[in-house]
Every structure is written in C-alpha cells, then in structure tokens.
C-alpha cells in the first residue's frame, strides 16, 4: 500500500579508533558497534569513509619520493599545484577532463570524474610527514565486498557495505557524499516498468540508491574534525543485491556533457 510510514535510522558511531595500515576493518566495525550499543541485523548497511579504507590498505604516498615528469611540471604551472602531486594525479588517471588555475579535474583510472584523482592530505596523521598524501583504495568495490564477507563470517549477518567519499558536482555548489565501493545492496535501482501513483508506467527511472546512502551517511560523518568515519544504517527499503559502485559510472557514450 502506498503512503505508508517509512523510517531510515542513521547512526554515526562515536569513539572509532584511528586506523593504521593493516588494521582489520571488520574487527574495528564490530568493536565500534558494540561500544555504541548497536548490533547488526540482516539488511543493515555499514558506510565507511574512504579515508579509513585507504589507511588500512596503506595507500599513502610520500611526495618527497616523487620525481615529476615534464608533463606534470608543465601542468602544475597551469593549475598552480605541486608538480609532485600532479605526477601522482596523472598516475591515478586516464585523462584530464578540465583544468584551470587551482582546479584539476580528471578521469580516475576506475572511471570516476573527480578533482585531483581523489588524492589529498586532509586527516593524514602528522607522524607520516608533511609531504604525505592519501590515494583512493586500489579497488573500492573489492574492498567493500571483502568487508561484507568478513562480517558475514564473523557474525553470520548479511549486510550491505558502502565506501563513500565527498565529490563536487558540475552544476551545483558544494560537495556531497557519493559511493565509490558498494557490496550487498544495489548501486543503481532500476524502476523502469513499475507504475507511479497514477498507474503510469515508469520508463526512465533509475535511482542511484548507493549514492543516496553515501550522502545520507556523510551528513552525520561530518567533513572536518568530527572523527566519525563509520556509519550504521537500518531500514534500507530495498532487497539485498550484488551491486557495485561501478554501476553508478555513466558510460562515456551516454555522457552528453563531457
């Protein structure tokens, strides 16, 4: 029946320990849930900030060890960025989409269109050095799937996992959370063939539900010094699925604006 009440419970877990290279994110999640008085149920979703996944996978890079190419040096002069950082960005990218002073938008090797290939130094511990930056996970979908399987093995509970990050939008100000890695839930929900309230068949409705979950989680995660990189979600209204973050990437042939 349409019009019934619906509820989505979103909890950013407090007191999550700082993640170090090699840390077990499954154990961290279970420990953090218990410390916050939460338990997992089938159908729940865990959303992890990209930063803690990258840290656990030791995706650090030392700018001091980078020798920029001639291409990186030239581009760095055009965008007013450190040539060593630009070299790392090029190494993580398939093409340069747009650039101007202060801005470098690239097509990441995994298909994301984003600034600086997602590389930055925010919330990188000072003991790693002032020239240390953090790259995206090698394969966020694989990271999400591995965590989903580990939670199932440890608890017997079937959950969804989303790894989120903050991206800008081409036509709107401000960043928002998006899903890089997805497991156990749809990346995109295809509603074509269903009917609207008036009984009309939906012909083009495809919903980026994993991005919606990622964005909702970002609200309670925060974007600065909040220290809440792990979010527990209950009440996702759609059935489990073998989804992926790759589903959310528009095929270049369908992209009218690039």
Protein backbone atom coordinates (compact mmCIF):
# COMPACT_ATOMS: atom_id res chain seq x y z
CA UNK A 1 0.00 0.00 0.00
CA UNK A 2 1.39 3.42 -0.94
CA UNK A 3 1.63 6.25 1.55
CA UNK A 4 2.71 4.12 4.50
CA UNK A 5 5.24 5.48 7.01
CA UNK A 6 8.89 4.65 6.36
CA UNK A 7 11.93 5.05 8.60
CA UNK A 8 15.66 5.04 7.98
CA UNK A 9 17.88 5.04 11.09
CA UNK A 10 21.36 6.52 10.53
CA UNK A 11 23.92 6.38 13.34
CA UNK A 12 27.47 7.72 13.12
CA UNK A 13 29.44 5.61 15.58
CA UNK A 14 31.47 7.50 18.16
CA UNK A 15 34.86 6.64 19.57
CA UNK A 16 36.14 4.87 16.45
CA UNK A 17 39.84 4.22 16.81
CA UNK A 18 42.24 5.82 14.38
CA UNK A 19 43.01 3.43 11.57
CA UNK A 20 46.55 2.37 10.81
CA UNK A 21 47.97 0.43 7.85
CA UNK A 22 46.97 -3.22 8.07
CA UNK A 23 44.12 -2.69 10.54
CA UNK A 24 41.20 -5.14 10.39
CA UNK A 25 38.18 -3.02 9.46
CA UNK A 26 35.76 -5.86 10.24
CA UNK A 27 37.05 -6.11 13.81
CA UNK A 28 37.03 -2.32 14.08
CA UNK A 29 33.40 -2.14 12.93
CA UNK A 30 32.20 -4.87 15.29
CA UNK A 31 34.07 -3.32 18.21
CA UNK A 32 32.74 0.15 17.43
CA UNK A 33 29.16 -1.10 17.11
CA UNK A 34 29.36 -2.81 20.49
CA UNK A 35 30.87 0.27 22.12
CA UNK A 36 27.94 2.33 20.84
CA UNK A 37 25.31 -0.17 21.96
CA UNK A 38 24.49 -1.23 18.41
CA UNK A 39 24.17 -4.72 16.92
CA UNK A 40 23.98 -5.84 13.32
CA UNK A 41 20.85 -7.29 11.74
CA UNK A 42 20.33 -8.74 8.29
CA UNK A 43 19.78 -5.89 5.84
CA UNK A 44 21.77 -3.31 7.79
CA UNK A 45 24.36 -1.21 5.97
CA UNK A 46 27.79 -0.07 7.11
CA UNK A 47 29.15 3.06 5.44
CA UNK A 48 32.88 3.66 5.74
CA UNK A 49 34.70 6.85 4.89
CA UNK A 50 37.14 6.31 2.06
CA UNK A 51 39.96 7.63 4.23
CA UNK A 52 39.88 4.76 6.72
CA UNK A 53 39.77 2.19 3.94
CA UNK A 54 42.74 3.83 2.21
CA UNK A 55 44.63 3.99 5.52
CA UNK A 56 44.00 0.33 6.30
CA UNK A 57 45.27 -0.53 2.80
CA UNK A 58 48.33 1.70 3.26
CA UNK A 59 47.54 3.89 0.27
CA UNK A 60 49.98 6.57 1.41
CA UNK A 61 52.37 8.34 -0.91
CA UNK A 62 55.37 10.48 0.03
CA UNK A 63 55.68 13.50 -2.24
CA UNK A 64 59.35 13.63 -1.36
CA UNK A 65 59.87 10.36 -3.20
CA UNK A 66 58.11 11.53 -6.38
CA UNK A 67 60.03 12.79 -9.40
CA UNK A 68 57.64 14.77 -11.60
CA UNK A 69 57.66 14.26 -15.33
CA UNK A 70 57.92 17.11 -17.83
CA UNK A 71 54.15 16.78 -18.41
CA UNK A 72 53.46 17.09 -14.68
CA UNK A 73 55.74 20.12 -14.35
CA UNK A 74 54.01 21.88 -17.25
CA UNK A 75 50.51 21.08 -15.97
CA UNK A 76 51.44 22.06 -12.41
CA UNK A 77 52.35 25.52 -13.67
CA UNK A 78 48.94 25.83 -15.32
CA UNK A 79 46.94 24.74 -12.26
CA UNK A 80 49.18 26.21 -9.53
CA UNK A 81 49.77 22.87 -7.82
CA UNK A 82 52.82 20.99 -6.57
CA UNK A 83 54.31 19.17 -9.57
CA UNK A 84 54.91 16.09 -7.42
CA UNK A 85 51.21 15.96 -6.53
CA UNK A 86 50.29 16.43 -10.19
CA UNK A 87 52.53 13.49 -11.09
CA UNK A 88 50.61 11.29 -8.63
CA UNK A 89 47.31 12.56 -10.02
CA UNK A 90 48.37 11.68 -13.57
CA UNK A 91 49.45 8.25 -12.40
CA UNK A 92 45.97 7.59 -11.00
CA UNK A 93 44.13 8.99 -14.03
CA UNK A 94 43.18 8.04 -17.57
CA UNK A 95 42.64 11.56 -18.91
CA UNK A 96 42.44 15.22 -17.94
CA UNK A 97 38.83 16.37 -18.18
CA UNK A 98 39.16 20.06 -17.25
CA UNK A 99 41.76 22.29 -15.70
CA UNK A 100 42.34 25.91 -14.77
CA UNK A 101 44.36 27.66 -12.04
CA UNK A 102 43.56 25.91 -8.78
CA UNK A 103 41.42 23.17 -10.36
CA UNK A 104 42.39 19.84 -11.94
CA UNK A 105 39.51 17.51 -12.87
CA UNK A 106 40.49 14.08 -14.16
CA UNK A 107 39.01 10.76 -15.18
CA UNK A 108 40.26 8.41 -12.47
CA UNK A 109 41.57 5.02 -13.60
CA UNK A 110 38.42 3.46 -12.04
CA UNK A 111 36.09 5.70 -14.02
CA UNK A 112 35.26 8.43 -11.52
CA UNK A 113 35.39 12.03 -12.75
CA UNK A 114 36.81 13.97 -9.82
CA UNK A 115 39.23 16.62 -8.65
CA UNK A 116 42.85 15.58 -8.10
CA UNK A 117 42.05 11.87 -8.60
CA UNK A 118 40.76 11.88 -5.03
CA UNK A 119 44.25 12.44 -3.62
CA UNK A 120 44.64 14.76 -0.64
CA UNK A 121 46.37 15.26 2.70
CA UNK A 122 43.39 16.02 4.95
CA UNK A 123 43.21 13.92 8.11
CA UNK A 124 46.57 12.29 7.39
CA UNK A 125 48.41 11.83 10.68
CA UNK A 126 51.33 14.24 11.17
CA UNK A 127 53.73 11.42 12.06
CA UNK A 128 53.62 10.36 8.41
CA UNK A 129 55.18 13.69 7.46
CA UNK A 130 54.00 16.97 5.97
CA UNK A 131 54.54 15.69 2.42
CA UNK A 132 52.39 12.58 2.80
CA UNK A 133 49.13 12.27 0.88
CA UNK A 134 46.50 9.55 0.67
CA UNK A 135 45.24 7.88 -2.52
CA UNK A 136 41.89 6.22 -3.06
CA UNK A 137 41.65 2.47 -2.35
CA UNK A 138 43.06 0.31 -5.13
CA UNK A 139 39.59 -1.18 -5.81
CA UNK A 140 36.77 0.16 -3.59
CA UNK A 141 34.24 -2.43 -4.82
CA UNK A 142 36.63 -5.22 -3.87
CA UNK A 143 37.28 -3.59 -0.50
CA UNK A 144 33.53 -3.33 0.17
CA UNK A 145 32.91 -6.94 -0.86
CA UNK A 146 35.79 -8.22 1.27
CA UNK A 147 34.40 -6.42 4.32
CA UNK A 148 30.90 -7.73 3.65
CA UNK A 149 32.22 -11.30 3.53
CA UNK A 150 34.31 -10.82 6.67
CA UNK A 151 31.32 -9.51 8.61
CA UNK A 152 29.23 -12.47 7.45
CA UNK A 153 31.95 -14.91 8.53
CA UNK A 154 32.38 -13.20 11.90
CA UNK A 155 28.72 -12.62 12.80
CA UNK A 156 26.53 -14.66 10.45
CA UNK A 157 24.76 -11.41 9.49
CA UNK A 158 24.23 -10.37 5.87
CA UNK A 159 24.80 -6.65 5.49
CA UNK A 160 25.46 -4.10 2.80
CA UNK A 161 28.66 -2.07 2.66
CA UNK A 162 29.25 1.34 1.09
CA UNK A 163 32.58 3.16 0.91
CA UNK A 164 31.88 6.85 0.47
CA UNK A 165 33.81 9.97 -0.42
CA UNK A 166 32.94 13.63 -1.00
CA UNK A 167 32.80 14.90 -4.56
CA UNK A 168 31.78 18.16 -6.18
CA UNK A 169 29.03 18.38 -8.79
CA UNK A 170 29.41 20.01 -12.18
CA UNK A 171 26.19 22.01 -11.96
CA UNK A 172 25.83 22.70 -8.22
CA UNK A 173 27.95 24.26 -5.47
CA UNK A 174 29.29 22.21 -2.60
CA UNK A 175 30.47 18.65 -2.22
CA UNK A 176 28.36 15.69 -1.17
CA UNK A 177 28.85 12.05 -0.33
CA UNK A 178 28.97 9.53 -3.16
CA UNK A 179 29.53 5.78 -3.22
CA UNK A 180 32.90 4.61 -4.51
CA UNK A 181 32.57 1.00 -3.40
CA UNK A 182 29.36 -0.99 -2.93
CA UNK A 183 28.55 -4.55 -1.81
CA UNK A 184 25.34 -6.27 -0.78
CA UNK A 185 22.96 -3.54 -1.99
CA UNK A 186 22.11 -2.16 -5.44
CA UNK A 187 24.33 0.56 -6.82
CA UNK A 188 21.53 1.65 -9.13
CA UNK A 189 17.88 0.69 -8.63
CA UNK A 190 16.01 0.21 -11.91
CA UNK A 191 12.34 1.20 -11.52
CA UNK A 192 11.51 1.03 -15.19
CA UNK A 193 8.33 -0.94 -15.71
CA UNK A 194 6.85 -0.05 -12.33
CA UNK A 195 3.86 2.24 -12.06
CA UNK A 196 3.57 5.67 -10.47
CA UNK A 197 0.70 6.71 -8.19
CA UNK A 198 -1.50 7.36 -11.20
CA UNK A 199 -0.80 3.96 -12.74
CA UNK A 200 1.51 5.27 -15.45
CA UNK A 201 4.45 3.06 -16.35
CA UNK A 202 7.87 4.44 -15.41
CA UNK A 203 10.09 4.46 -18.49
CA UNK A 204 13.38 6.10 -17.46
CA UNK A 205 13.53 5.97 -13.64
CA UNK A 206 16.85 4.61 -12.40
CA UNK A 207 17.79 5.65 -8.86
CA UNK A 208 21.37 5.93 -7.61
CA UNK A 209 20.45 4.44 -4.23
CA UNK A 210 24.04 3.73 -3.17
CA UNK A 211 24.89 7.40 -3.72
CA UNK A 212 21.82 8.36 -1.67
CA UNK A 213 23.00 6.15 1.19
CA UNK A 214 26.52 7.57 0.89
CA UNK A 215 25.21 11.13 1.01
CA UNK A 216 22.93 10.45 3.97
CA UNK A 217 25.85 8.95 5.87
CA UNK A 218 28.03 11.96 5.09
CA UNK A 219 25.64 14.24 6.96
CA UNK A 220 26.38 12.50 10.27
CA UNK A 221 30.00 11.65 9.46
CA UNK A 222 30.98 15.28 9.02
CA UNK A 223 33.75 16.58 6.79
CA UNK A 224 36.31 18.11 9.14
CA UNK A 225 37.46 17.11 12.63
CA UNK A 226 34.40 15.13 13.74
CA UNK A 227 36.19 11.76 13.73
CA UNK A 228 33.10 9.71 12.79
CA UNK A 229 34.19 7.64 9.76
CA UNK A 230 31.83 4.72 10.35
CA UNK A 231 28.04 4.86 10.00
CA UNK A 232 25.42 2.21 10.76
CA UNK A 233 22.18 2.33 8.76
CA UNK A 234 18.99 0.38 9.37
CA UNK A 235 15.76 0.43 7.41
CA UNK A 236 17.04 0.38 3.82
CA UNK A 237 13.76 -0.25 1.97
CA UNK A 238 15.10 -2.35 -0.90
CA UNK A 239 16.19 -6.00 -1.02
CA UNK A 240 19.85 -7.07 -0.99
CA UNK A 241 21.62 -7.23 -4.34
CA UNK A 242 25.03 -7.98 -5.78
CA UNK A 243 25.55 -4.31 -6.53
CA UNK A 244 28.71 -2.32 -7.18
CA UNK A 245 29.98 1.21 -7.29
CA UNK A 246 30.88 0.64 -10.93
CA UNK A 247 27.13 0.62 -11.75
CA UNK A 248 26.99 4.31 -10.90
CA UNK A 249 29.54 5.36 -13.52
CA UNK A 250 27.86 6.63 -16.66
CA UNK A 251 29.05 5.08 -19.90
CA UNK A 252 31.04 7.70 -21.87
CA UNK A 253 28.78 7.12 -24.88
CA UNK A 254 25.82 8.23 -22.73
CA UNK A 255 27.58 11.29 -21.31
CA UNK A 256 26.24 14.38 -23.11
CA UNK A 257 28.40 16.86 -21.20
CA UNK A 258 31.96 15.59 -21.01
